[in-house]
Amino acid sequence: MSTVYLLHFLEPIGNPSNPHGQAQHYIGIDQTGRRIEVQTAGNGARIVAAVQARGIGFVVAATWPGDRTLERRLKRRKHASRFCPVCRGGAS
């Protein structure tokens, strides 16, 4: 089984004058057990690489057992902050 993960960026990235043009989360899937390592090394998703290039840190805020179907469902819901424990005041 794969793991779906939620990254919480420690600062938003995007256009500060447009709150809808900013992102503070990334949802991905780890099928090999090494995807988060790849993201951390800067070789993953472009938004994560951009976050790192700007010196913005991130934490793995949540993980769920699941497959690409769960990943797609979470991404389509939008508003990852609603199920992000960091944004909801919980521990990462």
C-alpha atoms as a PDB file:
ATOM      1  CA  MET A   1       0.000   0.000   0.000  1.00  0.00           C
ATOM      2  CA  SER A   2       1.160   3.502  -0.761  1.00  0.00           C
ATOM      3  CA  THR A   3       1.186   6.517   1.528  1.00  0.00           C
ATOM      4  CA  VAL A   4      -0.432   9.851   0.701  1.00  0.00           C
ATOM      5  CA  TYR A   5       1.294  12.770   2.403  1.00  0.00           C
ATOM      6  CA  LEU A   6       0.588  16.436   3.066  1.00  0.00           C
ATOM      7  CA  LEU A   7       3.453  18.926   3.123  1.00  0.00           C
ATOM      8  CA  HIS A   8       2.884  22.193   4.990  1.00  0.00           C
ATOM      9  CA  PHE A   9       5.111  25.069   3.823  1.00  0.00           C
ATOM     10  CA  LEU A  10       6.262  27.259   6.705  1.00  0.00           C
ATOM     11  CA  GLU A  11       5.432  30.344   4.600  1.00  0.00           C
ATOM     12  CA  PRO A  12       3.000  30.722   1.703  1.00  0.00           C
ATOM     13  CA  ILE A  13       4.425  30.820  -1.805  1.00  0.00           C
ATOM     14  CA  GLY A  14       2.936  32.787  -4.675  1.00  0.00           C
ATOM     15  CA  ASN A  15       1.482  36.237  -5.205  1.00  0.00           C
ATOM     16  CA  PRO A  16       1.158  38.009  -1.809  1.00  0.00           C
ATOM     17  CA  SER A  17      -1.311  40.540  -3.207  1.00  0.00           C
ATOM     18  CA  ASN A  18      -3.706  37.750  -4.193  1.00  0.00           C
ATOM     19  CA  PRO A  19      -4.639  35.326  -1.396  1.00  0.00           C
ATOM     20  CA  HIS A  20      -6.070  32.926  -3.996  1.00  0.00           C
ATOM     21  CA  GLY A  21      -2.734  33.019  -5.830  1.00  0.00           C
ATOM     22  CA  GLN A  22      -0.808  31.522  -2.923  1.00  0.00           C
ATOM     23  CA  ALA A  23      -0.137  27.982  -1.775  1.00  0.00           C
ATOM     24  CA  GLN A  24       0.966  26.621   1.564  1.00  0.00           C
ATOM     25  CA  HIS A  25       0.452  22.890   1.009  1.00  0.00           C
ATOM     26  CA  TYR A  26       1.371  20.066  -1.320  1.00  0.00           C
ATOM     27  CA  ILE A  27      -0.304  16.668  -1.444  1.00  0.00           C
ATOM     28  CA  GLY A  28       1.646  13.790  -2.933  1.00  0.00           C
ATOM     29  CA  ILE A  29       1.909  10.024  -2.941  1.00  0.00           C
ATOM     30  CA  ASP A  30       4.821   7.852  -1.865  1.00  0.00           C
ATOM     31  CA  GLN A  31       4.731   4.456  -3.519  1.00  0.00           C
ATOM     32  CA  THR A  32       8.362   3.504  -2.919  1.00  0.00           C
ATOM     33  CA  GLY A  33       8.985   4.732   0.609  1.00  0.00           C
ATOM     34  CA  ARG A  34      11.477   7.321  -0.702  1.00  0.00           C
ATOM     35  CA  ARG A  35       9.362  10.080  -2.271  1.00  0.00           C
ATOM     36  CA  ILE A  36       9.639  12.446   0.695  1.00  0.00           C
ATOM     37  CA  GLU A  37      13.430  12.037   0.543  1.00  0.00           C
ATOM     38  CA  VAL A  38      13.291  12.956  -3.146  1.00  0.00           C
ATOM     39  CA  GLN A  39      11.180  16.037  -2.339  1.00  0.00           C
ATOM     40  CA  THR A  40      13.617  17.078   0.393  1.00  0.00           C
ATOM     41  CA  ALA A  41      16.541  16.728  -2.017  1.00  0.00           C
ATOM     42  CA  GLY A  42      14.826  19.211  -4.371  1.00  0.00           C
ATOM     43  CA  ASN A  43      14.127  16.656  -7.097  1.00  0.00           C
ATOM     44  CA  GLY A  44      10.379  16.292  -6.671  1.00  0.00           C
ATOM     45  CA  ALA A  45       7.445  18.518  -7.491  1.00  0.00           C
ATOM     46  CA  ARG A  46       8.229  21.923  -8.967  1.00  0.00           C
ATOM     47  CA  ILE A  47       6.352  23.796  -6.238  1.00  0.00           C
ATOM     48  CA  VAL A  48       8.389  22.044  -3.539  1.00  0.00           C
ATOM     49  CA  ALA A  49      11.615  22.866  -5.407  1.00  0.00           C
ATOM     50  CA  ALA A  50      10.464  26.509  -5.635  1.00  0.00           C
ATOM     51  CA  VAL A  51       9.756  26.558  -1.902  1.00  0.00           C
ATOM     52  CA  GLN A  52      13.238  25.246  -1.197  1.00  0.00           C
ATOM     53  CA  ALA A  53      14.863  27.677  -3.642  1.00  0.00           C
ATOM     54  CA  ARG A  54      13.304  30.547  -1.674  1.00  0.00           C
ATOM     55  CA  GLY A  55      14.598  29.131   1.594  1.00  0.00           C
ATOM     56  CA  ILE A  56      11.145  28.273   2.889  1.00  0.00           C
ATOM     57  CA  GLY A  57      11.003  25.164   5.012  1.00  0.00           C
ATOM     58  CA  PHE A  58       8.260  22.575   5.125  1.00  0.00           C
ATOM     59  CA  VAL A  59       7.081  19.767   7.353  1.00  0.00           C
ATOM     60  CA  VAL A  60       5.291  16.526   6.643  1.00  0.00           C
ATOM     61  CA  ALA A  61       2.048  17.518   8.328  1.00  0.00           C
ATOM     62  CA  ALA A  62       0.046  14.331   7.786  1.00  0.00           C
ATOM     63  CA  THR A  63       0.142  10.926   6.135  1.00  0.00           C
ATOM     64  CA  TRP A  64      -2.609   8.515   5.202  1.00  0.00           C
ATOM     65  CA  PRO A  65      -2.454   4.956   3.895  1.00  0.00           C
ATOM     66  CA  GLY A  66      -3.921   5.058   0.416  1.00  0.00           C
ATOM     67  CA  ASP A  67      -3.367   5.021  -3.292  1.00  0.00           C
ATOM     68  CA  ARG A  68      -3.542   7.491  -6.152  1.00  0.00           C
ATOM     69  CA  THR A  69      -7.343   7.550  -5.835  1.00  0.00           C
ATOM     70  CA  LEU A  70      -7.071   9.019  -2.326  1.00  0.00           C
ATOM     71  CA  GLU A  71      -4.409  11.486  -3.487  1.00  0.00           C
ATOM     72  CA  ARG A  72      -6.660  12.714  -6.324  1.00  0.00           C
ATOM     73  CA  ARG A  73      -9.675  12.935  -4.016  1.00  0.00           C
ATOM     74  CA  LEU A  74      -7.776  15.075  -1.493  1.00  0.00           C
ATOM     75  CA  LYS A  75      -6.359  17.319  -4.219  1.00  0.00           C
ATOM     76  CA  ARG A  76      -9.794  17.841  -5.773  1.00  0.00           C
ATOM     77  CA  ARG A  77     -11.245  18.891  -2.421  1.00  0.00           C
ATOM     78  CA  LYS A  78      -8.931  21.924  -2.431  1.00  0.00           C
ATOM     79  CA  HIS A  79      -8.332  23.804   0.834  1.00  0.00           C
ATOM     80  CA  ALA A  80      -5.769  21.378   2.277  1.00  0.00           C
ATOM     81  CA  SER A  81      -5.619  23.643   5.330  1.00  0.00           C
ATOM     82  CA  ARG A  82      -8.922  22.123   6.439  1.00  0.00           C
ATOM     83  CA  PHE A  83      -7.248  18.780   7.074  1.00  0.00           C
ATOM     84  CA  CYS A  84      -3.760  20.094   7.929  1.00  0.00           C
ATOM     85  CA  PRO A  85      -2.964  19.569  11.622  1.00  0.00           C
ATOM     86  CA  VAL A  86      -0.453  22.451  11.562  1.00  0.00           C
ATOM     87  CA  CYS A  87      -3.058  24.920  10.285  1.00  0.00           C
ATOM     88  CA  ARG A  88      -5.631  23.567  12.727  1.00  0.00           C
ATOM     89  CA  GLY A  89      -3.298  24.241  15.648  1.00  0.00           C
ATOM     90  CA  GLY A  90      -2.151  20.690  16.225  1.00  0.00           C
ATOM     91  CA  ALA A  91       1.323  19.221  16.181  1.00  0.00           C
ATOM     92  CA  SER A  92       2.958  18.374  12.892  1.00  0.00           C
END
